Amino acid sequence: MVQPRCLASVLLAFSRHRGKATRILPASAVVAAELETIYHLDCGCCHSSAAVERIYKVKGRKLTSPLAICVADVSDIPRFASVDGLPNSLLDSLLPGPVTVVLKRGDSSILEKTLNPGFDSIGVRVPDCNFIRSIARGSESALALTSANLSGQPSSVSPTDFEHLWHHCEYVFDGGLLKNGRAGSTLVDLTVPGSYKILRSGSALVETTAVLHSFGLDEAI
Protein backbone atom coordinates (compact mmCIF):
# COMPACT_ATOMS: atom_id res chain seq x y z
CA MET A 1 0.00 0.00 0.00
CA VAL A 2 1.34 3.43 -0.96
CA GLN A 3 1.93 5.74 1.96
CA PRO A 4 -0.19 8.90 1.66
CA ARG A 5 1.53 12.11 0.71
CA CYS A 6 0.32 15.50 1.87
CA LEU A 7 -3.20 16.35 0.75
CA ALA A 8 -3.33 17.34 -2.91
CA SER A 9 -4.06 20.88 -3.97
CA VAL A 10 -7.36 20.92 -5.86
CA LEU A 11 -7.34 23.54 -8.60
CA LEU A 12 -9.71 24.41 -11.39
CA ALA A 13 -8.43 23.20 -14.77
CA PHE A 14 -7.56 26.69 -16.00
CA SER A 15 -4.65 27.41 -18.33
CA ARG A 16 -2.97 29.58 -15.69
CA HIS A 17 -2.47 26.48 -13.55
CA ARG A 18 -0.76 24.47 -16.27
CA GLY A 19 2.71 25.53 -15.16
CA LYS A 20 2.24 23.97 -11.74
CA ALA A 21 1.99 20.54 -13.37
CA THR A 22 4.77 21.01 -15.91
CA ARG A 23 7.19 22.05 -13.15
CA ILE A 24 6.62 18.99 -10.99
CA LEU A 25 6.03 16.18 -13.47
CA PRO A 26 9.74 15.65 -14.23
CA ALA A 27 10.22 15.08 -10.48
CA SER A 28 8.19 11.85 -10.32
CA ALA A 29 4.96 13.65 -9.44
CA VAL A 30 1.44 12.33 -10.04
CA VAL A 31 -1.46 14.62 -10.94
CA ALA A 32 -5.10 13.96 -11.73
CA ALA A 33 -6.97 15.68 -14.54
CA GLU A 34 -9.85 15.25 -16.94
CA LEU A 35 -9.70 14.00 -20.45
CA GLU A 36 -12.81 14.41 -22.56
CA THR A 37 -13.99 10.98 -21.43
CA ILE A 38 -13.09 10.36 -17.77
CA TYR A 39 -10.61 11.54 -15.14
CA HIS A 40 -7.09 10.10 -15.22
CA LEU A 41 -3.97 9.87 -13.12
CA ASP A 42 -1.01 11.27 -15.05
CA CYS A 43 2.77 11.36 -14.68
CA GLY A 44 5.86 11.92 -16.78
CA CYS A 45 7.19 8.79 -18.47
CA CYS A 46 10.41 9.70 -20.26
CA HIS A 47 12.85 10.47 -17.45
CA SER A 48 12.08 8.30 -14.43
CA SER A 49 10.22 5.13 -13.54
CA ALA A 50 9.38 6.27 -10.00
CA ALA A 51 6.13 8.05 -10.85
CA VAL A 52 4.95 5.16 -13.01
CA GLU A 53 5.60 2.80 -10.11
CA ARG A 54 3.56 5.11 -7.86
CA ILE A 55 0.57 4.99 -10.19
CA TYR A 56 0.57 1.21 -10.23
CA LYS A 57 0.67 1.11 -6.44
CA VAL A 58 -2.04 3.75 -6.01
CA LYS A 59 -4.43 1.88 -8.31
CA GLY A 60 -3.56 -1.59 -7.10
CA ARG A 61 -2.90 -2.37 -10.74
CA LYS A 62 -1.01 -5.43 -11.93
CA LEU A 63 2.35 -4.62 -13.51
CA THR A 64 1.34 -6.81 -16.45
CA SER A 65 -1.40 -4.29 -17.36
CA PRO A 66 0.20 -1.64 -19.61
CA LEU A 67 -0.31 2.11 -19.28
CA ALA A 68 -1.17 4.36 -22.22
CA ILE A 69 0.48 7.69 -22.95
CA CYS A 70 -0.90 11.10 -23.80
CA VAL A 71 0.89 13.50 -26.16
CA ALA A 72 0.05 17.07 -27.08
CA ASP A 73 -0.27 16.76 -30.84
CA VAL A 74 -0.48 14.12 -33.56
CA SER A 75 2.85 15.38 -34.88
CA ASP A 76 4.49 14.30 -31.58
CA ILE A 77 3.55 10.63 -31.94
CA PRO A 78 6.62 9.51 -33.97
CA ARG A 79 8.85 10.47 -31.01
CA PHE A 80 7.20 7.77 -28.93
CA ALA A 81 5.80 5.17 -31.33
CA SER A 82 6.23 3.96 -34.89
CA VAL A 83 3.80 5.22 -37.52
CA ASP A 84 5.38 3.21 -40.33
CA GLY A 85 2.82 1.50 -42.54
CA LEU A 86 -0.10 3.71 -41.54
CA PRO A 87 -2.00 5.51 -44.31
CA ASN A 88 -1.19 9.19 -44.65
CA SER A 89 -3.51 11.38 -42.54
CA LEU A 90 -5.13 8.43 -40.75
CA LEU A 91 -4.02 9.58 -37.30
CA ASP A 92 -5.02 13.15 -38.11
CA SER A 93 -8.50 11.87 -38.94
CA LEU A 94 -8.83 9.92 -35.68
CA LEU A 95 -7.20 12.44 -33.36
CA PRO A 96 -7.61 14.57 -31.31
CA GLY A 97 -10.54 12.69 -29.87
CA PRO A 98 -11.68 9.94 -27.48
CA VAL A 99 -9.59 7.28 -29.21
CA THR A 100 -6.52 5.38 -28.02
CA VAL A 101 -4.44 3.99 -30.88
CA VAL A 102 -2.13 1.06 -30.15
CA LEU A 103 1.05 1.34 -32.20
CA LYS A 104 4.37 -0.46 -32.31
CA ARG A 105 6.79 1.14 -29.93
CA GLY A 106 9.73 1.02 -32.31
CA ASP A 107 13.44 1.21 -31.61
CA SER A 108 13.57 5.03 -31.73
CA SER A 109 10.97 5.63 -29.00
CA ILE A 110 12.21 7.99 -26.29
CA LEU A 111 9.90 6.48 -23.67
CA GLU A 112 11.44 5.30 -20.41
CA LYS A 113 12.45 1.66 -20.97
CA THR A 114 10.80 0.55 -17.74
CA LEU A 115 7.38 1.68 -18.98
CA ASN A 116 5.35 -1.42 -19.91
CA PRO A 117 8.24 -3.91 -19.92
CA GLY A 118 7.63 -6.88 -22.15
CA PHE A 119 5.32 -4.99 -24.50
CA ASP A 120 6.47 -3.94 -27.96
CA SER A 121 3.42 -1.71 -28.46
CA ILE A 122 2.05 1.39 -26.74
CA GLY A 123 -1.40 2.95 -26.51
CA VAL A 124 -1.31 6.61 -27.54
CA ARG A 125 -3.86 9.35 -26.93
CA VAL A 126 -4.22 12.89 -28.23
CA PRO A 127 -7.36 13.88 -26.33
CA ASP A 128 -9.73 16.63 -27.36
CA CYS A 129 -8.94 18.41 -24.10
CA ASN A 130 -6.81 21.53 -24.25
CA PHE A 131 -5.78 21.53 -20.60
CA ILE A 132 -4.07 18.14 -20.49
CA ARG A 133 -2.58 18.66 -23.95
CA SER A 134 -1.09 21.95 -22.78
CA ILE A 135 0.53 20.12 -19.85
CA ALA A 136 2.06 17.56 -22.20
CA ARG A 137 3.20 20.35 -24.52
CA GLY A 138 4.71 22.34 -21.68
CA SER A 139 6.58 19.31 -20.35
CA GLU A 140 7.96 18.59 -23.86
CA SER A 141 7.30 14.94 -23.19
CA ALA A 142 4.55 12.34 -22.99
CA LEU A 143 2.38 11.61 -19.97
CA ALA A 144 1.66 8.09 -18.78
CA LEU A 145 -1.97 7.83 -17.82
CA THR A 146 -4.57 5.53 -16.39
CA SER A 147 -8.10 6.04 -15.17
CA ALA A 148 -8.45 7.70 -11.75
CA ASN A 149 -9.96 4.80 -9.84
CA LEU A 150 -8.89 1.66 -8.08
CA SER A 151 -8.50 -1.30 -10.42
CA GLY A 152 -11.85 -2.98 -11.01
CA GLN A 153 -13.85 0.02 -9.79
CA PRO A 154 -16.01 2.33 -11.95
CA SER A 155 -14.30 5.13 -13.84
CA SER A 156 -14.51 8.68 -12.48
CA VAL A 157 -16.50 11.45 -14.14
CA SER A 158 -15.93 14.03 -11.39
CA PRO A 159 -13.12 14.68 -8.89
CA THR A 160 -15.31 13.60 -5.98
CA ASP A 161 -15.55 10.11 -7.52
CA PHE A 162 -11.89 9.51 -6.65
CA GLU A 163 -11.58 11.70 -3.56
CA HIS A 164 -10.08 8.73 -1.71
CA LEU A 165 -7.06 8.95 -4.05
CA TRP A 166 -6.43 12.69 -3.77
CA HIS A 167 -3.75 12.31 -1.11
CA HIS A 168 -1.60 10.38 -3.59
CA CYS A 169 -1.54 13.32 -6.03
CA GLU A 170 0.39 16.58 -5.95
CA TYR A 171 -2.46 18.32 -7.79
CA VAL A 172 -6.03 17.45 -8.74
CA PHE A 173 -7.23 19.61 -11.62
CA ASP A 174 -10.99 20.00 -11.47
CA GLY A 175 -12.68 20.21 -14.86
CA GLY A 176 -16.16 19.69 -13.45
CA LEU A 177 -18.63 16.91 -14.13
CA LEU A 178 -17.99 15.07 -17.41
CA LYS A 179 -21.19 14.22 -19.22
CA ASN A 180 -20.08 11.59 -21.74
CA GLY A 181 -20.55 8.63 -19.40
CA ARG A 182 -17.92 6.24 -18.08
CA ALA A 183 -17.09 4.33 -21.26
CA GLY A 184 -13.63 5.83 -21.72
CA SER A 185 -11.84 6.02 -25.05
CA THR A 186 -12.23 3.61 -27.94
CA LEU A 187 -9.13 1.41 -28.02
CA VAL A 188 -7.97 0.26 -31.45
CA ASP A 189 -4.92 -1.82 -32.37
CA LEU A 190 -3.15 -0.53 -35.51
CA THR A 191 0.02 -2.59 -35.22
CA VAL A 192 -0.73 -4.78 -38.25
CA PRO A 193 -0.53 -2.84 -41.53
CA GLY A 194 -3.78 -2.72 -43.48
CA SER A 195 -5.98 -3.89 -40.62
CA TYR A 196 -7.35 -2.86 -37.24
CA LYS A 197 -8.69 -4.58 -34.16
CA ILE A 198 -11.06 -3.01 -31.65
CA LEU A 199 -9.81 -3.83 -28.16
CA ARG A 200 -12.41 -1.74 -26.31
CA SER A 201 -15.57 -0.25 -27.77
CA GLY A 202 -15.39 2.91 -25.68
CA SER A 203 -17.27 6.09 -26.48
CA ALA A 204 -16.38 6.59 -30.16
CA LEU A 205 -16.73 3.16 -31.77
CA VAL A 206 -19.01 4.16 -34.66
CA GLU A 207 -16.98 7.23 -35.60
CA THR A 208 -13.68 5.36 -35.28
CA THR A 209 -14.64 2.40 -37.44
CA ALA A 210 -16.07 4.74 -40.08
CA VAL A 211 -12.70 6.52 -40.34
CA LEU A 212 -10.76 3.25 -40.44
CA HIS A 213 -12.94 1.87 -43.24
CA SER A 214 -12.61 5.13 -45.20
CA PHE A 215 -8.85 4.51 -45.26
CA GLY A 216 -9.32 0.96 -46.52
CA LEU A 217 -8.42 -0.86 -43.31
CA ASP A 218 -10.09 -4.22 -42.66
CA GLU A 219 -11.14 -5.47 -39.26
CA ALA A 220 -8.95 -8.31 -38.04
CA ILE A 221 -10.78 -11.47 -37.08
C-alpha atoms as a PDB file:
ATOM      1  CA  MET A   1       0.000   0.000   0.000  1.00  0.00           C
ATOM      2  CA  VAL A   2       1.342   3.428  -0.957  1.00  0.00           C
ATOM      3  CA  GLN A   3       1.926   5.737   1.964  1.00  0.00           C
ATOM      4  CA  PRO A   4      -0.191   8.901   1.659  1.00  0.00           C
ATOM      5  CA  ARG A   5       1.528  12.115   0.707  1.00  0.00           C
ATOM      6  CA  CYS A   6       0.323  15.498   1.870  1.00  0.00           C
ATOM      7  CA  LEU A   7      -3.197  16.349   0.754  1.00  0.00           C
ATOM      8  CA  ALA A   8      -3.328  17.340  -2.908  1.00  0.00           C
ATOM      9  CA  SER A   9      -4.065  20.880  -3.974  1.00  0.00           C
ATOM     10  CA  VAL A  10      -7.362  20.918  -5.865  1.00  0.00           C
ATOM     11  CA  LEU A  11      -7.338  23.545  -8.596  1.00  0.00           C
ATOM     12  CA  LEU A  12      -9.707  24.412 -11.395  1.00  0.00           C
ATOM     13  CA  ALA A  13      -8.430  23.204 -14.771  1.00  0.00           C
ATOM     14  CA  PHE A  14      -7.565  26.686 -15.997  1.00  0.00           C
ATOM     15  CA  SER A  15      -4.655  27.407 -18.326  1.00  0.00           C
ATOM     16  CA  ARG A  16      -2.969  29.581 -15.694  1.00  0.00           C
ATOM     17  CA  HIS A  17      -2.470  26.476 -13.546  1.00  0.00           C
ATOM     18  CA  ARG A  18      -0.756  24.467 -16.267  1.00  0.00           C
ATOM     19  CA  GLY A  19       2.707  25.533 -15.161  1.00  0.00           C
ATOM     20  CA  LYS A  20       2.236  23.966 -11.736  1.00  0.00           C
ATOM     21  CA  ALA A  21       1.989  20.544 -13.369  1.00  0.00           C
ATOM     22  CA  THR A  22       4.775  21.011 -15.905  1.00  0.00           C
ATOM     23  CA  ARG A  23       7.191  22.046 -13.150  1.00  0.00           C
ATOM     24  CA  ILE A  24       6.622  18.993 -10.987  1.00  0.00           C
ATOM     25  CA  LEU A  25       6.030  16.175 -13.471  1.00  0.00           C
ATOM     26  CA  PRO A  26       9.736  15.654 -14.229  1.00  0.00           C
ATOM     27  CA  ALA A  27      10.219  15.079 -10.481  1.00  0.00           C
ATOM     28  CA  SER A  28       8.194  11.854 -10.322  1.00  0.00           C
ATOM     29  CA  ALA A  29       4.962  13.649  -9.443  1.00  0.00           C
ATOM     30  CA  VAL A  30       1.441  12.334 -10.044  1.00  0.00           C
ATOM     31  CA  VAL A  31      -1.462  14.621 -10.938  1.00  0.00           C
ATOM     32  CA  ALA A  32      -5.104  13.958 -11.732  1.00  0.00           C
ATOM     33  CA  ALA A  33      -6.972  15.677 -14.541  1.00  0.00           C
ATOM     34  CA  GLU A  34      -9.853  15.253 -16.936  1.00  0.00           C
ATOM     35  CA  LEU A  35      -9.698  14.005 -20.447  1.00  0.00           C
ATOM     36  CA  GLU A  36     -12.814  14.412 -22.558  1.00  0.00           C
ATOM     37  CA  THR A  37     -13.987  10.981 -21.431  1.00  0.00           C
ATOM     38  CA  ILE A  38     -13.090  10.359 -17.775  1.00  0.00           C
ATOM     39  CA  TYR A  39     -10.605  11.541 -15.142  1.00  0.00           C
ATOM     40  CA  HIS A  40      -7.093  10.095 -15.220  1.00  0.00           C
ATOM     41  CA  LEU A  41      -3.967   9.867 -13.117  1.00  0.00           C
ATOM     42  CA  ASP A  42      -1.007  11.270 -15.047  1.00  0.00           C
ATOM     43  CA  CYS A  43       2.772  11.357 -14.683  1.00  0.00           C
ATOM     44  CA  GLY A  44       5.860  11.919 -16.778  1.00  0.00           C
ATOM     45  CA  CYS A  45       7.186   8.793 -18.469  1.00  0.00           C
ATOM     46  CA  CYS A  46      10.409   9.696 -20.259  1.00  0.00           C
ATOM     47  CA  HIS A  47      12.846  10.469 -17.446  1.00  0.00           C
ATOM     48  CA  SER A  48      12.079   8.297 -14.430  1.00  0.00           C
ATOM     49  CA  SER A  49      10.222   5.133 -13.538  1.00  0.00           C
ATOM     50  CA  ALA A  50       9.380   6.273  -9.998  1.00  0.00           C
ATOM     51  CA  ALA A  51       6.129   8.054 -10.851  1.00  0.00           C
ATOM     52  CA  VAL A  52       4.954   5.160 -13.012  1.00  0.00           C
ATOM     53  CA  GLU A  53       5.596   2.801 -10.113  1.00  0.00           C
ATOM     54  CA  ARG A  54       3.563   5.108  -7.857  1.00  0.00           C
ATOM     55  CA  ILE A  55       0.568   4.994 -10.190  1.00  0.00           C
ATOM     56  CA  TYR A  56       0.570   1.208 -10.232  1.00  0.00           C
ATOM     57  CA  LYS A  57       0.669   1.109  -6.436  1.00  0.00           C
ATOM     58  CA  VAL A  58      -2.042   3.746  -6.012  1.00  0.00           C
ATOM     59  CA  LYS A  59      -4.428   1.878  -8.308  1.00  0.00           C
ATOM     60  CA  GLY A  60      -3.564  -1.585  -7.095  1.00  0.00           C
ATOM     61  CA  ARG A  61      -2.899  -2.372 -10.744  1.00  0.00           C
ATOM     62  CA  LYS A  62      -1.013  -5.430 -11.934  1.00  0.00           C
ATOM     63  CA  LEU A  63       2.348  -4.618 -13.505  1.00  0.00           C
ATOM     64  CA  THR A  64       1.345  -6.806 -16.452  1.00  0.00           C
ATOM     65  CA  SER A  65      -1.401  -4.292 -17.360  1.00  0.00           C
ATOM     66  CA  PRO A  66       0.199  -1.640 -19.606  1.00  0.00           C
ATOM     67  CA  LEU A  67      -0.308   2.106 -19.283  1.00  0.00           C
ATOM     68  CA  ALA A  68      -1.169   4.359 -22.219  1.00  0.00           C
ATOM     69  CA  ILE A  69       0.482   7.691 -22.951  1.00  0.00           C
ATOM     70  CA  CYS A  70      -0.902  11.103 -23.799  1.00  0.00           C
ATOM     71  CA  VAL A  71       0.888  13.499 -26.159  1.00  0.00           C
ATOM     72  CA  ALA A  72       0.052  17.066 -27.077  1.00  0.00           C
ATOM     73  CA  ASP A  73      -0.273  16.755 -30.842  1.00  0.00           C
ATOM     74  CA  VAL A  74      -0.477  14.115 -33.557  1.00  0.00           C
ATOM     75  CA  SER A  75       2.847  15.383 -34.875  1.00  0.00           C
ATOM     76  CA  ASP A  76       4.487  14.299 -31.584  1.00  0.00           C
ATOM     77  CA  ILE A  77       3.549  10.630 -31.935  1.00  0.00           C
ATOM     78  CA  PRO A  78       6.619   9.514 -33.973  1.00  0.00           C
ATOM     79  CA  ARG A  79       8.854  10.471 -31.013  1.00  0.00           C
ATOM     80  CA  PHE A  80       7.200   7.771 -28.935  1.00  0.00           C
ATOM     81  CA  ALA A  81       5.797   5.171 -31.330  1.00  0.00           C
ATOM     82  CA  SER A  82       6.226   3.958 -34.886  1.00  0.00           C
ATOM     83  CA  VAL A  83       3.796   5.222 -37.520  1.00  0.00           C
ATOM     84  CA  ASP A  84       5.379   3.208 -40.331  1.00  0.00           C
ATOM     85  CA  GLY A  85       2.823   1.496 -42.540  1.00  0.00           C
ATOM     86  CA  LEU A  86      -0.096   3.714 -41.538  1.00  0.00           C
ATOM     87  CA  PRO A  87      -2.000   5.508 -44.312  1.00  0.00           C
ATOM     88  CA  ASN A  88      -1.189   9.189 -44.646  1.00  0.00           C
ATOM     89  CA  SER A  89      -3.507  11.381 -42.538  1.00  0.00           C
ATOM     90  CA  LEU A  90      -5.126   8.429 -40.753  1.00  0.00           C
ATOM     91  CA  LEU A  91      -4.025   9.576 -37.303  1.00  0.00           C
ATOM     92  CA  ASP A  92      -5.021  13.153 -38.108  1.00  0.00           C
ATOM     93  CA  SER A  93      -8.498  11.865 -38.938  1.00  0.00           C
ATOM     94  CA  LEU A  94      -8.829   9.920 -35.681  1.00  0.00           C
ATOM     95  CA  LEU A  95      -7.195  12.439 -33.358  1.00  0.00           C
ATOM     96  CA  PRO A  96      -7.608  14.573 -31.313  1.00  0.00           C
ATOM     97  CA  GLY A  97     -10.543  12.691 -29.874  1.00  0.00           C
ATOM     98  CA  PRO A  98     -11.684   9.943 -27.477  1.00  0.00           C
ATOM     99  CA  VAL A  99      -9.589   7.277 -29.209  1.00  0.00           C
ATOM    100  CA  THR A 100      -6.518   5.375 -28.016  1.00  0.00           C
ATOM    101  CA  VAL A 101      -4.437   3.991 -30.883  1.00  0.00           C
ATOM    102  CA  VAL A 102      -2.126   1.056 -30.150  1.00  0.00           C
ATOM    103  CA  LEU A 103       1.053   1.340 -32.199  1.00  0.00           C
ATOM    104  CA  LYS A 104       4.366  -0.462 -32.310  1.00  0.00           C
ATOM    105  CA  ARG A 105       6.793   1.138 -29.926  1.00  0.00           C
ATOM    106  CA  GLY A 106       9.730   1.016 -32.315  1.00  0.00           C
ATOM    107  CA  ASP A 107      13.444   1.214 -31.608  1.00  0.00           C
ATOM    108  CA  SER A 108      13.571   5.026 -31.733  1.00  0.00           C
ATOM    109  CA  SER A 109      10.968   5.627 -28.998  1.00  0.00           C
ATOM    110  CA  ILE A 110      12.209   7.988 -26.285  1.00  0.00           C
ATOM    111  CA  LEU A 111       9.900   6.476 -23.675  1.00  0.00           C
ATOM    112  CA  GLU A 112      11.440   5.295 -20.408  1.00  0.00           C
ATOM    113  CA  LYS A 113      12.454   1.661 -20.967  1.00  0.00           C
ATOM    114  CA  THR A 114      10.803   0.547 -17.740  1.00  0.00           C
ATOM    115  CA  LEU A 115       7.383   1.679 -18.983  1.00  0.00           C
ATOM    116  CA  ASN A 116       5.348  -1.424 -19.908  1.00  0.00           C
ATOM    117  CA  PRO A 117       8.243  -3.910 -19.918  1.00  0.00           C
ATOM    118  CA  GLY A 118       7.633  -6.878 -22.152  1.00  0.00           C
ATOM    119  CA  PHE A 119       5.316  -4.985 -24.499  1.00  0.00           C
ATOM    120  CA  ASP A 120       6.469  -3.940 -27.965  1.00  0.00           C
ATOM    121  CA  SER A 121       3.424  -1.706 -28.464  1.00  0.00           C
ATOM    122  CA  ILE A 122       2.052   1.387 -26.743  1.00  0.00           C
ATOM    123  CA  GLY A 123      -1.398   2.950 -26.505  1.00  0.00           C
ATOM    124  CA  VAL A 124      -1.309   6.610 -27.539  1.00  0.00           C
ATOM    125  CA  ARG A 125      -3.863   9.352 -26.931  1.00  0.00           C
ATOM    126  CA  VAL A 126      -4.224  12.892 -28.234  1.00  0.00           C
ATOM    127  CA  PRO A 127      -7.359  13.881 -26.334  1.00  0.00           C
ATOM    128  CA  ASP A 128      -9.733  16.631 -27.357  1.00  0.00           C
ATOM    129  CA  CYS A 129      -8.944  18.407 -24.104  1.00  0.00           C
ATOM    130  CA  ASN A 130      -6.813  21.534 -24.255  1.00  0.00           C
ATOM    131  CA  PHE A 131      -5.782  21.525 -20.604  1.00  0.00           C
ATOM    132  CA  ILE A 132      -4.068  18.136 -20.494  1.00  0.00           C
ATOM    133  CA  ARG A 133      -2.578  18.659 -23.950  1.00  0.00           C
ATOM    134  CA  SER A 134      -1.089  21.946 -22.776  1.00  0.00           C
ATOM    135  CA  ILE A 135       0.535  20.122 -19.846  1.00  0.00           C
ATOM    136  CA  ALA A 136       2.061  17.560 -22.198  1.00  0.00           C
ATOM    137  CA  ARG A 137       3.196  20.349 -24.519  1.00  0.00           C
ATOM    138  CA  GLY A 138       4.706  22.338 -21.678  1.00  0.00           C
ATOM    139  CA  SER A 139       6.576  19.314 -20.353  1.00  0.00           C
ATOM    140  CA  GLU A 140       7.958  18.593 -23.864  1.00  0.00           C
ATOM    141  CA  SER A 141       7.297  14.942 -23.190  1.00  0.00           C
ATOM    142  CA  ALA A 142       4.551  12.342 -22.985  1.00  0.00           C
ATOM    143  CA  LEU A 143       2.383  11.606 -19.969  1.00  0.00           C
ATOM    144  CA  ALA A 144       1.665   8.094 -18.781  1.00  0.00           C
ATOM    145  CA  LEU A 145      -1.968   7.827 -17.825  1.00  0.00           C
ATOM    146  CA  THR A 146      -4.567   5.526 -16.387  1.00  0.00           C
ATOM    147  CA  SER A 147      -8.099   6.040 -15.170  1.00  0.00           C
ATOM    148  CA  ALA A 148      -8.446   7.700 -11.754  1.00  0.00           C
ATOM    149  CA  ASN A 149      -9.958   4.803  -9.841  1.00  0.00           C
ATOM    150  CA  LEU A 150      -8.892   1.658  -8.082  1.00  0.00           C
ATOM    151  CA  SER A 151      -8.502  -1.297 -10.421  1.00  0.00           C
ATOM    152  CA  GLY A 152     -11.845  -2.981 -11.012  1.00  0.00           C
ATOM    153  CA  GLN A 153     -13.850   0.016  -9.788  1.00  0.00           C
ATOM    154  CA  PRO A 154     -16.015   2.335 -11.951  1.00  0.00           C
ATOM    155  CA  SER A 155     -14.300   5.132 -13.842  1.00  0.00           C
ATOM    156  CA  SER A 156     -14.507   8.676 -12.483  1.00  0.00           C
ATOM    157  CA  VAL A 157     -16.499  11.447 -14.137  1.00  0.00           C
ATOM    158  CA  SER A 158     -15.927  14.033 -11.393  1.00  0.00           C
ATOM    159  CA  PRO A 159     -13.119  14.683  -8.891  1.00  0.00           C
ATOM    160  CA  THR A 160     -15.313  13.604  -5.984  1.00  0.00           C
ATOM    161  CA  ASP A 161     -15.550  10.112  -7.521  1.00  0.00           C
ATOM    162  CA  PHE A 162     -11.890   9.508  -6.648  1.00  0.00           C
ATOM    163  CA  GLU A 163     -11.582  11.701  -3.560  1.00  0.00           C
ATOM    164  CA  HIS A 164     -10.082   8.730  -1.712  1.00  0.00           C
ATOM    165  CA  LEU A 165      -7.058   8.951  -4.051  1.00  0.00           C
ATOM    166  CA  TRP A 166      -6.430  12.689  -3.771  1.00  0.00           C
ATOM    167  CA  HIS A 167      -3.752  12.312  -1.113  1.00  0.00           C
ATOM    168  CA  HIS A 168      -1.602  10.379  -3.590  1.00  0.00           C
ATOM    169  CA  CYS A 169      -1.537  13.322  -6.032  1.00  0.00           C
ATOM    170  CA  GLU A 170       0.387  16.580  -5.947  1.00  0.00           C
ATOM    171  CA  TYR A 171      -2.459  18.322  -7.787  1.00  0.00           C
ATOM    172  CA  VAL A 172      -6.031  17.452  -8.736  1.00  0.00           C
ATOM    173  CA  PHE A 173      -7.228  19.605 -11.620  1.00  0.00           C
ATOM    174  CA  ASP A 174     -10.993  20.000 -11.470  1.00  0.00           C
ATOM    175  CA  GLY A 175     -12.676  20.208 -14.864  1.00  0.00           C
ATOM    176  CA  GLY A 176     -16.164  19.693 -13.449  1.00  0.00           C
ATOM    177  CA  LEU A 177     -18.627  16.907 -14.130  1.00  0.00           C
ATOM    178  CA  LEU A 178     -17.993  15.074 -17.406  1.00  0.00           C
ATOM    179  CA  LYS A 179     -21.191  14.220 -19.218  1.00  0.00           C
ATOM    180  CA  ASN A 180     -20.081  11.587 -21.735  1.00  0.00           C
ATOM    181  CA  GLY A 181     -20.549   8.628 -19.397  1.00  0.00           C
ATOM    182  CA  ARG A 182     -17.923   6.237 -18.075  1.00  0.00           C
ATOM    183  CA  ALA A 183     -17.089   4.331 -21.256  1.00  0.00           C
ATOM    184  CA  GLY A 184     -13.627   5.835 -21.722  1.00  0.00           C
ATOM    185  CA  SER A 185     -11.837   6.016 -25.047  1.00  0.00           C
ATOM    186  CA  THR A 186     -12.231   3.614 -27.941  1.00  0.00           C
ATOM    187  CA  LEU A 187      -9.131   1.408 -28.016  1.00  0.00           C
ATOM    188  CA  VAL A 188      -7.971   0.265 -31.448  1.00  0.00           C
ATOM    189  CA  ASP A 189      -4.915  -1.816 -32.366  1.00  0.00           C
ATOM    190  CA  LEU A 190      -3.148  -0.534 -35.506  1.00  0.00           C
ATOM    191  CA  THR A 191       0.025  -2.595 -35.217  1.00  0.00           C
ATOM    192  CA  VAL A 192      -0.729  -4.784 -38.246  1.00  0.00           C
ATOM    193  CA  PRO A 193      -0.530  -2.843 -41.530  1.00  0.00           C
ATOM    194  CA  GLY A 194      -3.778  -2.716 -43.485  1.00  0.00           C
ATOM    195  CA  SER A 195      -5.978  -3.889 -40.620  1.00  0.00           C
ATOM    196  CA  TYR A 196      -7.354  -2.860 -37.244  1.00  0.00           C
ATOM    197  CA  LYS A 197      -8.692  -4.579 -34.155  1.00  0.00           C
ATOM    198  CA  ILE A 198     -11.065  -3.005 -31.650  1.00  0.00           C
ATOM    199  CA  LEU A 199      -9.807  -3.834 -28.163  1.00  0.00           C
ATOM    200  CA  ARG A 200     -12.406  -1.735 -26.312  1.00  0.00           C
ATOM    201  CA  SER A 201     -15.572  -0.251 -27.768  1.00  0.00           C
ATOM    202  CA  GLY A 202     -15.386   2.912 -25.682  1.00  0.00           C
ATOM    203  CA  SER A 203     -17.269   6.089 -26.477  1.00  0.00           C
ATOM    204  CA  ALA A 204     -16.384   6.588 -30.159  1.00  0.00           C
ATOM    205  CA  LEU A 205     -16.735   3.156 -31.769  1.00  0.00           C
ATOM    206  CA  VAL A 206     -19.009   4.156 -34.657  1.00  0.00           C
ATOM    207  CA  GLU A 207     -16.981   7.227 -35.602  1.00  0.00           C
ATOM    208  CA  THR A 208     -13.677   5.359 -35.280  1.00  0.00           C
ATOM    209  CA  THR A 209     -14.639   2.398 -37.438  1.00  0.00           C
ATOM    210  CA  ALA A 210     -16.065   4.742 -40.085  1.00  0.00           C
ATOM    211  CA  VAL A 211     -12.705   6.519 -40.337  1.00  0.00           C
ATOM    212  CA  LEU A 212     -10.757   3.248 -40.439  1.00  0.00           C
ATOM    213  CA  HIS A 213     -12.938   1.875 -43.243  1.00  0.00           C
ATOM    214  CA  SER A 214     -12.614   5.126 -45.204  1.00  0.00           C
ATOM    215  CA  PHE A 215      -8.851   4.513 -45.261  1.00  0.00           C
ATOM    216  CA  GLY A 216      -9.319   0.963 -46.521  1.00  0.00           C
ATOM    217  CA  LEU A 217      -8.417  -0.863 -43.306  1.00  0.00           C
ATOM    218  CA  ASP A 218     -10.092  -4.216 -42.663  1.00  0.00           C
ATOM    219  CA  GLU A 219     -11.136  -5.467 -39.255  1.00  0.00           C
ATOM    220  CA  ALA A 220      -8.953  -8.311 -38.042  1.00  0.00           C
ATOM    221  CA  ILE A 221     -10.780 -11.471 -37.076  1.00  0.00           C
END
